[in-house]
Amino acid sequence: MIIFLLFEHNKNGDYMNSEYEILDYIYKNASMGYESTMTLLKSLKNKDNKIKNDVQDIINSYEQFKKESELLLAKINADGSKVNPVASISVDMNIIMKTMKDNSDAAIAKMLIKGLTMGQNNMSKVYDNISENIDKKTLKLLNNFKDFQTNAIRKLEAYI
């Protein structure tokens, strides 16, 4: 199971409604998704999994969302928050142990689907509480990120 750390609440416990909070949310989720999926792909090195190309596509998408959110954060003179290194190590160890136990395409797909679904569910909470004054580019990035998750899940379901 890949565990994506989700950041749907701001420091006050309120749902996000500022430009920064939404962009930072995308940045952190894309960063964690990229890092954990890279660990997953590395654990499949020297294996004959058919799913590898789809895993690489997911990595490429996460990397693109990370870059796009960084650019939009820079336009508002902000940086994205860094992923907690302890959480990252914990996720990496979990991935390595699970792939050692079962590295079948179906097991890999289930891990990815679980993480993507968690991200998608939390993304719905973000949508429910978006401020009306959010920049159109930020909203488009948020919509594209949600669509990426939905499409990746659909594609991965073929392996189960």
Protein backbone atom coordinates (compact mmCIF):
# COMPACT_ATOMS: atom_id res chain seq x y z
CA MET A 1 0.00 0.00 0.00
CA ILE A 2 1.35 3.40 -0.94
CA ILE A 3 0.39 5.98 1.60
CA PHE A 4 0.22 9.47 0.25
CA LEU A 5 0.33 12.11 2.93
CA LEU A 6 -2.52 14.47 2.36
CA PHE A 7 -2.58 18.07 3.38
CA GLU A 8 -6.18 19.13 3.05
CA HIS A 9 -6.26 21.39 6.10
CA ASN A 10 -4.38 24.57 6.78
CA LYS A 11 -2.63 25.25 10.09
CA ASN A 12 -5.85 26.54 11.65
CA GLY A 13 -7.72 23.37 10.73
CA ASP A 14 -9.83 25.24 8.18
CA TYR A 15 -10.22 24.03 4.65
CA MET A 16 -8.12 25.72 2.03
CA ASN A 17 -9.34 28.72 0.20
CA SER A 18 -6.24 30.75 -0.56
CA GLU A 19 -4.16 30.56 -3.69
CA TYR A 20 -1.10 29.53 -1.69
CA GLU A 21 -2.86 26.77 0.22
CA ILE A 22 -4.21 25.14 -2.95
CA LEU A 23 -0.91 25.38 -4.82
CA ASP A 24 0.99 24.10 -1.80
CA TYR A 25 -1.49 21.21 -1.52
CA ILE A 26 -0.86 20.24 -5.15
CA TYR A 27 2.90 20.69 -4.73
CA LYS A 28 3.13 18.48 -1.64
CA ASN A 29 0.88 15.78 -3.06
CA ALA A 30 2.73 15.75 -6.37
CA SER A 31 6.09 15.68 -4.56
CA MET A 32 5.09 12.78 -2.31
CA GLY A 33 3.48 10.95 -5.21
CA TYR A 34 6.61 11.40 -7.31
CA GLU A 35 8.95 10.24 -4.56
CA SER A 36 6.90 7.21 -3.53
CA THR A 37 6.22 6.12 -7.10
CA MET A 38 9.93 6.43 -7.91
CA THR A 39 10.63 4.12 -4.98
CA LEU A 40 8.07 1.71 -6.36
CA LEU A 41 9.62 1.76 -9.83
CA LYS A 42 13.11 1.22 -8.38
CA SER A 43 11.81 -1.80 -6.48
CA LEU A 44 10.71 -3.26 -9.82
CA LYS A 45 14.18 -2.93 -11.34
CA ASN A 46 15.30 -6.17 -12.99
CA LYS A 47 11.73 -7.48 -12.88
CA ASP A 48 9.58 -8.27 -15.91
CA ASN A 49 6.48 -6.31 -14.90
CA LYS A 50 4.27 -5.10 -17.73
CA ILE A 51 3.07 -2.24 -15.53
CA LYS A 52 6.45 -0.45 -15.53
CA ASN A 53 5.58 1.88 -18.41
CA ASP A 54 2.37 2.95 -16.70
CA VAL A 55 4.27 3.53 -13.44
CA GLN A 56 6.75 5.70 -15.36
CA ASP A 57 3.86 7.67 -16.89
CA ILE A 58 2.50 8.34 -13.39
CA ILE A 59 5.95 9.51 -12.27
CA ASN A 60 6.18 11.84 -15.26
CA SER A 61 2.74 13.29 -14.47
CA TYR A 62 3.59 13.87 -10.82
CA GLU A 63 6.82 15.57 -11.86
CA GLN A 64 4.92 17.84 -14.23
CA PHE A 65 2.36 18.80 -11.57
CA LYS A 66 5.17 19.52 -9.14
CA LYS A 67 6.88 21.81 -11.68
CA GLU A 68 3.66 23.59 -12.64
CA SER A 69 2.70 24.22 -9.02
CA GLU A 70 6.23 25.49 -8.31
CA LEU A 71 5.91 27.99 -11.16
CA LEU A 72 2.55 29.25 -9.94
CA LEU A 73 3.85 29.45 -6.37
CA ALA A 74 6.80 31.52 -7.62
CA LYS A 75 4.36 33.96 -9.24
CA ILE A 76 2.90 34.68 -5.80
CA ASN A 77 6.40 34.83 -4.27
CA ALA A 78 6.04 31.59 -2.35
CA ASP A 79 7.72 28.20 -2.11
CA GLY A 80 6.05 24.84 -1.71
CA SER A 81 6.36 23.06 1.62
CA LYS A 82 8.76 20.17 1.74
CA VAL A 83 7.65 16.61 2.33
CA ASN A 84 8.32 15.36 5.85
CA PRO A 85 11.48 13.20 5.51
CA VAL A 86 10.38 10.80 8.27
CA ALA A 87 7.06 10.23 6.52
CA SER A 88 8.86 9.77 3.22
CA ILE A 89 11.19 7.13 4.66
CA SER A 90 8.25 5.34 6.25
CA VAL A 91 6.38 5.25 2.94
CA ASP A 92 9.50 4.07 1.10
CA MET A 93 10.04 1.21 3.55
CA ASN A 94 6.39 0.21 3.27
CA ILE A 95 6.63 0.11 -0.53
CA ILE A 96 9.84 -1.92 -0.51
CA MET A 97 8.43 -4.46 1.94
CA LYS A 98 5.17 -4.84 0.03
CA THR A 99 6.90 -5.28 -3.32
CA MET A 100 9.25 -7.87 -1.83
CA LYS A 101 6.20 -9.79 -0.67
CA ASP A 102 4.24 -9.45 -3.94
CA ASN A 103 5.52 -7.61 -6.99
CA SER A 104 2.83 -8.79 -9.39
CA ASP A 105 1.30 -6.22 -11.72
CA ALA A 106 -2.02 -6.63 -9.89
CA ALA A 107 -0.41 -5.90 -6.50
CA ILE A 108 1.44 -2.88 -7.88
CA ALA A 109 -1.76 -1.57 -9.48
CA LYS A 110 -3.66 -2.00 -6.20
CA MET A 111 -1.00 -0.03 -4.30
CA LEU A 112 -1.11 2.80 -6.80
CA ILE A 113 -4.90 2.82 -7.00
CA LYS A 114 -5.16 3.04 -3.22
CA GLY A 115 -2.85 6.06 -3.08
CA LEU A 116 -4.47 7.77 -6.04
CA THR A 117 -7.95 7.18 -4.61
CA MET A 118 -6.95 8.69 -1.27
CA GLY A 119 -5.65 11.74 -3.10
CA GLN A 120 -8.79 11.94 -5.19
CA ASN A 121 -11.06 11.72 -2.15
CA ASN A 122 -9.20 14.51 -0.39
CA MET A 123 -9.19 16.56 -3.56
CA SER A 124 -13.00 16.51 -3.43
CA LYS A 125 -12.83 18.21 -0.03
CA VAL A 126 -10.66 20.93 -1.56
CA TYR A 127 -13.25 21.52 -4.30
CA ASP A 128 -16.01 21.88 -1.74
CA ASN A 129 -14.25 24.76 -0.05
CA ILE A 130 -12.57 26.76 -2.81
CA SER A 131 -12.77 30.50 -2.53
CA GLU A 132 -14.41 32.27 -5.46
CA ASN A 133 -11.34 34.44 -6.03
CA ILE A 134 -8.92 31.63 -6.96
CA ASP A 135 -6.86 32.34 -10.07
CA LYS A 136 -8.01 30.50 -13.20
CA LYS A 137 -4.56 28.95 -13.75
CA THR A 138 -4.59 27.52 -10.24
CA LEU A 139 -8.10 26.16 -10.70
CA LYS A 140 -7.10 24.63 -14.04
CA LEU A 141 -4.07 22.96 -12.44
CA LEU A 142 -6.29 21.62 -9.65
CA ASN A 143 -8.77 20.25 -12.22
CA ASN A 144 -5.97 18.69 -14.26
CA PHE A 145 -4.51 17.08 -11.14
CA LYS A 146 -7.87 15.56 -10.27
CA ASP A 147 -8.33 14.34 -13.87
CA PHE A 148 -4.87 12.79 -13.81
CA GLN A 149 -5.79 10.80 -10.70
CA THR A 150 -9.07 9.61 -12.23
CA ASN A 151 -7.45 8.59 -15.52
CA ALA A 152 -4.53 6.85 -13.83
CA ILE A 153 -6.92 4.79 -11.70
CA ARG A 154 -8.90 3.74 -14.78
CA LYS A 155 -5.74 2.71 -16.58
CA LEU A 156 -4.42 0.74 -13.61
CA GLU A 157 -7.67 -1.15 -13.13
CA ALA A 158 -6.81 -3.15 -16.25
CA TYR A 159 -4.07 -4.91 -14.26
CA ILE A 160 -6.38 -6.21 -11.56
